[in-house]
Protein backbone atom coordinates (compact mmCIF):
# COMPACT_ATOMS: atom_id res chain seq x y z
CA MET A 1 29.23 190.39 250.33
CA ALA A 2 29.23 192.55 247.20
CA LYS A 3 28.97 196.42 247.68
CA ILE A 4 26.02 197.91 245.86
CA THR A 5 26.39 201.17 243.95
CA HIS A 6 23.99 203.66 242.23
CA GLY A 7 26.43 203.39 239.28
CA GLN A 8 26.58 207.05 238.30
CA SER A 9 29.99 207.97 239.59
CA LYS A 10 31.36 208.71 236.00
CA ASN A 11 28.56 210.83 235.06
CA GLY A 12 28.04 214.61 235.15
CA ILE A 13 25.13 214.76 237.37
CA TYR A 14 27.46 212.79 240.20
CA LYS A 15 30.00 215.08 239.79
CA SER A 16 27.58 217.97 240.15
CA TRP A 17 26.64 216.59 243.45
CA SER A 18 29.96 215.92 244.93
CA CYS A 19 31.29 219.26 243.68
CA MET A 20 28.06 220.70 245.77
CA ILE A 21 28.72 218.99 249.20
CA GLN A 22 32.22 219.54 248.90
CA ARG A 23 31.66 223.28 248.45
CA CYS A 24 29.51 223.52 250.88
CA GLU A 25 31.07 221.34 253.99
CA ASN A 26 34.74 220.99 253.33
CA PRO A 27 36.41 224.54 254.50
CA ASN A 28 39.41 222.77 252.02
CA ASP A 29 37.42 223.35 249.08
CA PRO A 30 38.71 226.82 247.42
CA PHE A 31 35.30 227.87 246.75
CA TYR A 32 34.12 227.10 250.62
CA TYR A 33 33.91 230.63 251.10
CA ASN A 34 31.09 231.44 248.82
CA TYR A 35 29.14 228.62 249.82
CA GLY A 36 29.68 226.82 253.62
CA GLY A 37 31.71 230.08 254.75
CA ARG A 38 28.57 232.13 254.08
CA GLY A 39 26.15 229.57 255.59
CA ILE A 40 25.06 227.95 252.44
CA GLY A 41 24.27 224.20 252.95
CA VAL A 42 22.56 221.08 251.72
CA ILE A 43 19.48 219.65 252.89
CA ASP A 44 20.30 216.62 254.69
CA LYS A 45 18.25 214.63 252.77
CA TRP A 46 20.85 214.98 249.84
CA HIS A 47 23.96 213.88 251.44
CA LYS A 48 22.95 210.97 250.10
CA PHE A 49 23.48 210.86 246.30
CA GLU A 50 20.34 208.37 245.35
CA ASN A 51 18.19 210.48 247.14
CA PHE A 52 19.52 213.95 245.37
CA TYR A 53 19.43 211.48 242.08
CA ALA A 54 15.71 211.11 242.76
CA ASP A 55 14.87 214.49 243.20
CA MET A 56 16.91 216.28 240.72
CA SER A 57 17.62 213.81 237.73
CA GLU A 58 14.53 215.04 235.57
CA GLY A 59 15.87 217.90 233.39
CA TYR A 60 19.51 216.69 233.58
CA GLU A 61 21.50 216.93 230.61
CA GLU A 62 25.07 216.64 230.15
CA GLY A 63 26.87 219.96 230.47
CA LEU A 64 24.44 221.69 233.16
CA THR A 65 24.78 222.29 236.36
CA ILE A 66 23.18 222.60 239.51
CA ASP A 67 22.00 226.26 240.26
CA ARG A 68 20.04 227.68 243.22
CA LEU A 69 17.35 229.99 242.52
CA ASP A 70 17.87 232.25 245.56
CA ASN A 71 21.62 232.81 246.06
CA GLU A 72 21.08 233.54 249.42
CA LEU A 73 19.53 230.04 250.32
CA GLY A 74 20.82 226.50 250.39
CA TYR A 75 20.50 223.36 248.11
CA PHE A 76 17.35 221.90 248.20
CA LYS A 77 15.05 220.66 245.59
CA GLU A 78 12.67 223.75 245.49
CA ASN A 79 15.61 226.50 245.18
CA CYS A 80 17.42 224.20 242.63
CA ARG A 81 17.35 223.85 239.03
CA TRP A 82 19.65 222.36 236.08
CA ALA A 83 21.10 225.42 234.11
CA THR A 84 23.39 226.28 231.43
CA ARG A 85 26.70 228.08 232.45
CA LYS A 86 25.13 231.41 230.77
CA GLN A 87 22.16 231.29 233.17
CA GLN A 88 24.56 230.62 235.89
CA ALA A 89 26.20 233.95 234.96
CA GLU A 90 23.14 235.52 235.02
CA ASN A 91 21.93 234.43 238.22
CA THR A 92 24.88 235.80 240.90
CA ARG A 93 25.01 237.65 243.61
CA ILE A 94 25.99 241.50 242.74
CA ARG A 95 29.65 241.71 243.77
CA LYS A 96 30.31 243.62 246.75
CA ASP A 97 32.61 246.15 244.72
CA ASN A 98 29.65 247.14 242.30
CA LYS A 99 28.47 250.35 243.17
CA THR A 100 25.56 250.72 240.44
CA GLY A 101 23.37 248.20 241.94
CA SER A 102 23.09 246.46 238.47
CA ARG A 103 24.78 243.22 237.55
CA GLY A 104 27.46 243.34 234.55
CA ILE A 105 27.43 247.05 234.96
CA TYR A 106 30.67 248.69 236.47
CA PHE A 107 31.83 252.13 236.94
CA ARG A 108 35.32 252.64 235.53
CA LYS A 109 37.56 255.51 237.44
CA ASP A 110 39.92 255.73 234.77
CA THR A 111 37.29 256.43 231.71
CA GLY A 112 34.84 257.90 234.37
CA LYS A 113 31.92 255.86 232.27
CA TYR A 114 30.13 252.92 233.18
CA GLN A 115 31.14 249.77 231.34
CA LEU A 116 28.76 247.09 230.65
CA GLN A 117 30.08 243.46 230.39
CA ILE A 118 27.99 240.38 228.78
CA TRP A 119 28.11 236.79 228.98
CA LYS A 120 29.10 235.77 225.16
CA ASN A 121 30.61 232.36 224.21
CA GLY A 122 31.27 231.40 227.55
CA LYS A 123 33.14 234.35 229.10
CA TYR A 124 32.57 238.14 230.17
CA THR A 125 32.87 240.85 227.25
CA SER A 126 33.15 244.09 227.24
CA ALA A 127 29.86 245.72 225.52
CA GLY A 128 31.00 249.32 225.24
CA CYS A 129 31.18 252.11 227.65
CA TYR A 130 28.44 254.64 228.69
CA LYS A 131 28.26 258.33 230.24
CA THR A 132 25.34 257.36 232.49
CA ILE A 133 24.11 254.49 234.26
CA LYS A 134 21.07 254.81 232.28
CA GLU A 135 22.37 254.64 228.95
CA ALA A 136 24.53 251.11 230.22
CA MET A 137 21.21 250.11 231.32
CA GLU A 138 19.42 250.65 228.09
CA ALA A 139 22.11 248.86 226.31
CA LYS A 140 22.14 245.93 228.52
CA ASN A 141 18.27 245.34 227.92
CA ALA A 142 18.47 245.87 224.48
CA LYS A 143 21.34 243.05 223.77
CA SER A 144 19.70 240.84 226.34
C-alpha cells in the first residue's frame, strides 16, 4: 500500500513547522531552553502537519518564519503569524541583562552611556550612544 503524504516536506512552511516542534519538544534541540524549557508548547492539533498547514498556510511566503505575538504563550493559531526576520527581531523578549526596560537600548559601563542597537540589513547595528536613556529612546523612536 502506497504511503500518502502531504507533498510539502521540501517547502519552507514544512521546515518552519518541523523546527517549531523540535525547539518546543526536543530537549536536545539547541534552542529548547528558550522554548520547551520555558514551557512554550505547540497545540496538540498542530502535531500533525496537515492541521498546521490548514490553519497557517494563508499569508505564508517563502522567507517568512512563524512568530508568536505574545512570547510568553505557546504556538496556536490566534497567537501566531508569518513574519520577516526584522519583525521577529522587534518582537522578542527583553533580555534578562537589560536594565533599561527598553528593547535595543543597553547601558554600557565602559562609556557610562546608553547604546542604541537597531535591526538593519539582517543584523543588529549600533545606532549611537546617548547620555540619558530618554535621549536613546527618542533616537530609537526617530529611527523607527
